[in-house]
Amino acid sequence: MSVSPSAEGAGPKTNRNKNKMQLRVLYALLGISCALIVAFAAGLALEIYTNRQGQSFYESAPPVAYKPRPAVTAPATGGGTPSSAEDEYTSFIDFETVCQHYPDTVAWLQSAGTVINYPVMKGSDNEYYLGHLPDKTSNRIGSIFLDFRNQADFSEQNIFIYGHNMASGDMFGSLANYVNQSYYEQNFSMYLFTPTADYSIHLFAGYIVDSAYEVPPMSFRDQSDFEQYISELNSRSVFKSDVPVSYDDRLVFLCTCTPSSLMASSSGRFVLVGKLVLE
């Protein structure tokens, strides 16, 4: 069989075109890969920078002004001999000083022995302080803040406080530790200081929710509704507690994103619940 010259030359030319096309595709893929690497590196660098900026703020900037309470001498005992023992020294926050720097401050949350020692802010919505520090500087670490629907005097039955779950453990990143019973037993309470009163938060439950489908209630219809809800919380809690809870108690819900180690869903939330006890 005879083959024309034009047909004979078609093979090498086609192969050269294919090679050129493959090189173009390869260069394009390399360019895209480089662009993605640069974008990822830039995003990572920005995240590290903003994290450090936020951490630096909380380490040095907040004017934590403590006003010592006067020591109280214990009453006389037994034969009437006065005792020289004094109550354990405690302090509370000087809100006049704090609010000069952070006007939206409504409380101060503190958990002894942990990183939680932050002012509690209250904005006009639940978005602003997700991305702003207490001095209103834009930062992804954000602030610990009260639900804008709650009253600033913490007088309602259900009180919601939010904070980011930082991988560093800052903000509410340490709440995930409550999945361990031993951690709960060592950190079973927190302090909530307010301009009008100081409270302990006696923690009694911690549970995981998919916030896309479940939101804790702002209030209860009646005592039966309350008791049913508390029973459900206790059954779902990641730790066991013997803290008694009654219908007259004010509940505090500390809410944060759930780490991937506990729940794969991006909408997952971990909620730590306690009752307010006047100090």
Protein backbone atom coordinates (compact mmCIF):
# COMPACT_ATOMS: atom_id res chain seq x y z
CA MET A 1 0.00 0.00 0.00
CA SER A 2 1.32 3.43 -0.86
CA VAL A 3 1.09 6.37 1.51
CA SER A 4 1.08 9.96 0.33
CA PRO A 5 3.81 12.34 1.60
CA SER A 6 1.24 14.48 3.35
CA ALA A 7 -0.07 11.50 5.29
CA GLU A 8 3.46 10.43 6.21
CA GLY A 9 4.24 13.86 7.71
CA ALA A 10 1.03 14.09 9.74
CA GLY A 11 2.25 11.83 12.56
CA PRO A 12 5.31 13.81 13.73
CA LYS A 13 3.54 17.15 13.40
CA THR A 14 0.59 15.92 15.44
CA ASN A 15 2.93 14.60 18.12
CA ARG A 16 4.72 17.95 18.31
CA ASN A 17 1.38 19.74 18.74
CA LYS A 18 0.38 17.30 21.46
CA ASN A 19 3.67 17.85 23.25
CA LYS A 20 3.23 21.63 23.08
CA MET A 21 -0.31 21.31 24.43
CA GLN A 22 0.85 19.07 27.26
CA LEU A 23 3.58 21.55 28.15
CA ARG A 24 1.04 24.38 28.18
CA VAL A 25 -1.24 22.38 30.45
CA LEU A 26 1.70 21.49 32.69
CA TYR A 27 2.79 25.14 32.92
CA ALA A 28 -0.79 26.18 33.66
CA LEU A 29 -1.08 23.59 36.42
CA LEU A 30 2.26 24.66 37.84
CA GLY A 31 1.12 28.29 37.79
CA ILE A 32 -2.13 27.43 39.53
CA SER A 33 -0.29 25.34 42.11
CA CYS A 34 2.16 28.14 42.79
CA ALA A 35 -0.68 30.64 43.13
CA LEU A 36 -2.49 28.34 45.57
CA ILE A 37 0.69 27.83 47.60
CA VAL A 38 1.30 31.58 47.74
CA ALA A 39 -2.33 32.23 48.71
CA PHE A 40 -2.20 29.52 51.38
CA ALA A 41 1.09 30.87 52.75
CA ALA A 42 -0.27 34.41 52.78
CA GLY A 43 -3.45 33.26 54.52
CA LEU A 44 -1.46 31.28 57.07
CA ALA A 45 0.88 34.21 57.70
CA LEU A 46 -2.11 36.53 58.17
CA GLU A 47 -3.75 34.06 60.54
CA ILE A 48 -0.56 33.72 62.59
CA TYR A 49 -0.13 37.49 62.68
CA THR A 50 -3.70 38.19 63.77
CA ASN A 51 -3.57 35.39 66.35
CA ARG A 52 -0.39 36.81 67.83
CA GLN A 53 -1.84 40.29 67.75
CA GLY A 54 -4.93 39.12 69.62
CA GLN A 55 -2.92 37.05 72.09
CA SER A 56 -0.62 39.99 72.76
CA PHE A 57 -3.63 42.18 73.47
CA TYR A 58 -5.05 39.79 76.05
CA GLU A 59 -1.66 39.19 77.64
CA SER A 60 -0.77 42.83 78.17
CA ALA A 61 -3.43 45.34 77.19
CA PRO A 62 -6.51 44.77 79.38
CA PRO A 63 -6.36 46.98 82.47
CA VAL A 64 -7.38 44.28 84.96
CA ALA A 65 -8.02 46.55 87.91
CA TYR A 66 -8.52 44.59 91.11
CA LYS A 67 -9.96 46.26 94.21
CA PRO A 68 -9.16 44.22 97.32
CA ARG A 69 -12.00 43.50 99.66
CA PRO A 70 -11.25 44.24 103.32
CA ALA A 71 -10.30 41.17 105.32
CA VAL A 72 -13.03 39.90 107.64
CA THR A 73 -12.12 38.52 111.06
CA ALA A 74 -13.78 35.24 111.88
CA PRO A 75 -16.27 35.37 114.78
CA ALA A 76 -15.22 34.29 118.26
CA THR A 77 -15.54 30.57 118.99
CA GLY A 78 -15.88 28.27 122.00
CA GLY A 79 -14.93 30.14 125.15
CA GLY A 80 -15.26 33.51 123.46
CA THR A 81 -11.59 33.99 122.62
CA PRO A 82 -11.36 36.08 119.45
CA SER A 83 -9.87 34.22 116.50
CA SER A 84 -7.09 35.79 114.47
CA ALA A 85 -8.01 33.72 111.40
CA GLU A 86 -9.23 35.73 108.45
CA ASP A 87 -11.29 34.81 105.44
CA GLU A 88 -9.35 33.95 102.32
CA TYR A 89 -8.33 37.07 100.38
CA THR A 90 -10.43 37.75 97.28
CA SER A 91 -10.65 40.59 94.79
CA PHE A 92 -13.18 42.00 92.39
CA ILE A 93 -12.90 44.00 89.18
CA ASP A 94 -12.80 47.79 89.20
CA PHE A 95 -15.32 48.31 86.41
CA GLU A 96 -14.97 52.07 86.47
CA THR A 97 -11.38 51.68 85.28
CA VAL A 98 -12.11 48.84 82.86
CA CYS A 99 -15.02 50.64 81.20
CA GLN A 100 -12.88 53.69 80.55
CA HIS A 101 -10.96 51.49 78.12
CA TYR A 102 -13.74 49.14 77.03
CA PRO A 103 -17.13 50.87 77.31
CA ASP A 104 -19.11 47.78 76.24
CA THR A 105 -17.88 45.70 79.19
CA VAL A 106 -20.73 44.23 81.28
CA ALA A 107 -18.85 41.61 83.33
CA TRP A 108 -15.58 39.79 83.85
CA LEU A 109 -15.33 36.00 83.50
CA GLN A 110 -12.58 34.15 85.33
CA SER A 111 -11.72 30.49 85.77
CA ALA A 112 -8.91 29.99 88.26
CA GLY A 113 -5.99 27.96 86.93
CA THR A 114 -7.05 28.32 83.27
CA VAL A 115 -6.59 30.90 80.53
CA ILE A 116 -10.14 32.18 81.01
CA ASN A 117 -9.74 35.64 82.52
CA TYR A 118 -11.53 38.00 80.16
CA PRO A 119 -13.89 40.96 80.07
CA VAL A 120 -17.37 40.11 78.84
CA MET A 121 -18.63 42.49 76.18
CA LYS A 122 -22.17 43.23 74.94
CA GLY A 123 -22.81 44.58 71.46
CA SER A 124 -25.90 45.45 69.48
CA ASP A 125 -25.79 42.03 67.77
CA ASN A 126 -24.02 38.67 68.05
CA GLU A 127 -21.66 39.35 65.16
CA TYR A 128 -19.53 42.37 66.06
CA TYR A 129 -17.49 40.89 68.90
CA LEU A 130 -16.87 37.68 66.97
CA GLY A 131 -14.28 39.71 65.06
CA HIS A 132 -13.36 42.58 67.37
CA LEU A 133 -11.26 42.86 70.52
CA PRO A 134 -12.66 44.67 73.58
CA ASP A 135 -10.99 47.90 72.40
CA LYS A 136 -12.90 47.45 69.11
CA THR A 137 -9.81 46.58 67.08
CA SER A 138 -10.68 44.20 64.26
CA ASN A 139 -9.23 40.75 65.01
CA ARG A 140 -10.37 37.18 64.34
CA ILE A 141 -9.79 36.13 67.95
CA GLY A 142 -12.65 38.42 68.91
CA SER A 143 -13.95 38.80 72.45
CA ILE A 144 -15.98 36.94 75.03
CA PHE A 145 -19.45 38.46 74.76
CA LEU A 146 -22.96 38.32 76.14
CA ASP A 147 -25.89 37.56 73.85
CA PHE A 148 -27.30 40.91 72.74
CA ARG A 149 -30.80 39.68 73.67
CA ASN A 150 -29.79 39.27 77.33
CA GLN A 151 -29.96 42.08 79.84
CA ALA A 152 -26.61 43.49 80.94
CA ASP A 153 -27.51 42.94 84.61
CA PHE A 154 -27.71 39.14 84.14
CA SER A 155 -31.21 39.08 85.62
CA GLU A 156 -32.79 36.64 83.17
CA GLN A 157 -33.19 32.94 83.76
CA ASN A 158 -31.10 31.88 80.77
CA ILE A 159 -27.89 33.78 80.03
CA PHE A 160 -25.70 33.13 76.97
CA ILE A 161 -22.00 33.95 76.72
CA TYR A 162 -20.00 33.24 73.55
CA GLY A 163 -16.34 32.93 72.63
CA HIS A 164 -14.17 31.43 69.90
CA ASN A 165 -12.59 28.00 70.28
CA MET A 166 -8.96 28.83 69.50
CA ALA A 167 -6.56 25.99 68.69
CA SER A 168 -4.07 27.64 71.06
CA GLY A 169 -6.53 27.09 73.92
CA ASP A 170 -7.19 30.81 74.29
CA MET A 171 -10.63 32.35 74.65
CA PHE A 172 -13.04 29.37 75.04
CA GLY A 173 -10.57 26.87 73.57
CA SER A 174 -10.18 25.17 76.95
CA LEU A 175 -13.89 24.31 77.27
CA ALA A 176 -13.37 21.14 75.23
CA ASN A 177 -11.33 19.80 78.16
CA TYR A 178 -14.59 19.27 80.01
CA VAL A 179 -15.08 16.02 78.10
CA ASN A 180 -12.69 14.62 80.72
CA GLN A 181 -14.33 13.94 84.07
CA SER A 182 -11.11 14.67 85.93
CA TYR A 183 -10.87 18.11 84.32
CA TYR A 184 -14.40 18.92 85.40
CA GLU A 185 -13.68 17.82 88.97
CA GLN A 186 -10.69 20.19 89.07
CA ASN A 187 -12.54 23.07 87.36
CA PHE A 188 -16.14 22.72 88.49
CA SER A 189 -16.80 26.45 88.88
CA MET A 190 -15.95 29.85 87.46
CA TYR A 191 -16.36 33.43 88.65
CA LEU A 192 -18.54 36.04 87.01
CA PHE A 193 -17.85 39.53 88.32
CA THR A 194 -20.37 42.26 87.46
CA PRO A 195 -20.64 45.94 88.41
CA THR A 196 -23.42 45.13 90.89
CA ALA A 197 -22.59 41.66 92.23
CA ASP A 198 -20.05 38.86 92.16
CA TYR A 199 -21.11 35.33 91.31
CA SER A 200 -19.80 31.82 91.10
CA ILE A 201 -20.93 29.71 88.18
CA HIS A 202 -21.46 26.17 89.45
CA LEU A 203 -21.08 24.03 86.33
CA PHE A 204 -23.36 21.01 86.03
CA ALA A 205 -23.49 19.95 82.36
CA GLY A 206 -21.59 20.14 79.09
CA TYR A 207 -22.97 18.88 75.81
CA ILE A 208 -22.46 18.97 72.04
CA VAL A 209 -25.10 20.34 69.66
CA ASP A 210 -25.46 20.89 65.96
CA SER A 211 -26.32 24.58 66.09
CA ALA A 212 -27.93 24.42 62.66
CA TYR A 213 -30.75 22.40 64.19
CA GLU A 214 -30.67 22.99 67.94
CA VAL A 215 -30.53 26.24 69.88
CA PRO A 216 -30.80 26.37 73.69
CA PRO A 217 -34.02 28.11 74.79
CA MET A 218 -34.03 31.72 75.93
CA SER A 219 -36.68 30.86 78.54
CA PHE A 220 -38.95 28.05 79.77
CA ARG A 221 -42.72 27.86 79.63
CA ASP A 222 -43.07 26.57 83.18
CA GLN A 223 -41.36 24.48 85.85
CA SER A 224 -42.22 21.22 84.12
CA ASP A 225 -40.59 22.43 80.91
CA PHE A 226 -37.53 23.49 82.92
CA GLU A 227 -37.19 20.17 84.74
CA GLN A 228 -37.54 18.21 81.52
CA TYR A 229 -34.81 20.29 79.89
CA ILE A 230 -32.43 19.90 82.85
CA SER A 231 -33.01 16.15 82.86
CA GLU A 232 -32.13 16.02 79.17
CA LEU A 233 -28.99 18.09 79.74
CA ASN A 234 -27.81 15.78 82.50
CA SER A 235 -28.35 12.72 80.33
CA ARG A 236 -26.40 14.27 77.43
CA SER A 237 -23.62 15.79 79.50
CA VAL A 238 -20.04 14.71 78.73
CA PHE A 239 -19.29 14.69 82.47
CA LYS A 240 -21.19 13.71 85.60
CA SER A 241 -22.15 16.27 88.21
CA ASP A 242 -24.10 16.27 91.47
CA VAL A 243 -24.81 20.03 91.42
CA PRO A 244 -28.51 20.52 92.25
CA VAL A 245 -30.48 22.82 89.95
CA SER A 246 -33.88 24.36 90.69
CA TYR A 247 -36.43 26.36 88.74
CA ASP A 248 -35.42 29.55 90.59
CA ASP A 249 -31.81 29.31 89.41
CA ARG A 250 -30.36 31.50 86.70
CA LEU A 251 -28.51 29.42 84.12
CA VAL A 252 -25.37 30.45 82.24
CA PHE A 253 -24.66 28.84 78.85
CA LEU A 254 -21.01 29.19 77.74
CA CYS A 255 -21.01 28.48 74.00
CA THR A 256 -18.15 27.85 71.59
CA CYS A 257 -17.38 26.03 68.35
CA THR A 258 -16.83 22.31 68.76
CA PRO A 259 -13.30 21.13 67.90
CA SER A 260 -13.06 18.56 65.10
CA SER A 261 -11.87 15.98 67.63
CA LEU A 262 -15.36 16.03 69.13
CA MET A 263 -17.55 16.66 66.09
CA ALA A 264 -16.77 16.80 62.39
CA SER A 265 -19.64 19.14 61.53
CA SER A 266 -18.58 22.76 61.02
CA SER A 267 -21.83 23.87 62.64
CA GLY A 268 -21.15 21.94 65.84
CA ARG A 269 -21.13 23.77 69.16
CA PHE A 270 -20.02 22.82 72.65
CA VAL A 271 -22.14 24.28 75.43
CA LEU A 272 -21.06 24.36 79.07
CA VAL A 273 -23.91 25.06 81.50
CA GLY A 274 -23.84 26.29 85.07
CA LYS A 275 -26.00 28.12 87.58
CA LEU A 276 -25.29 31.55 89.04
CA VAL A 277 -24.62 31.60 92.79
CA LEU A 278 -24.25 34.94 94.55
CA GLU A 279 -20.92 35.25 96.34
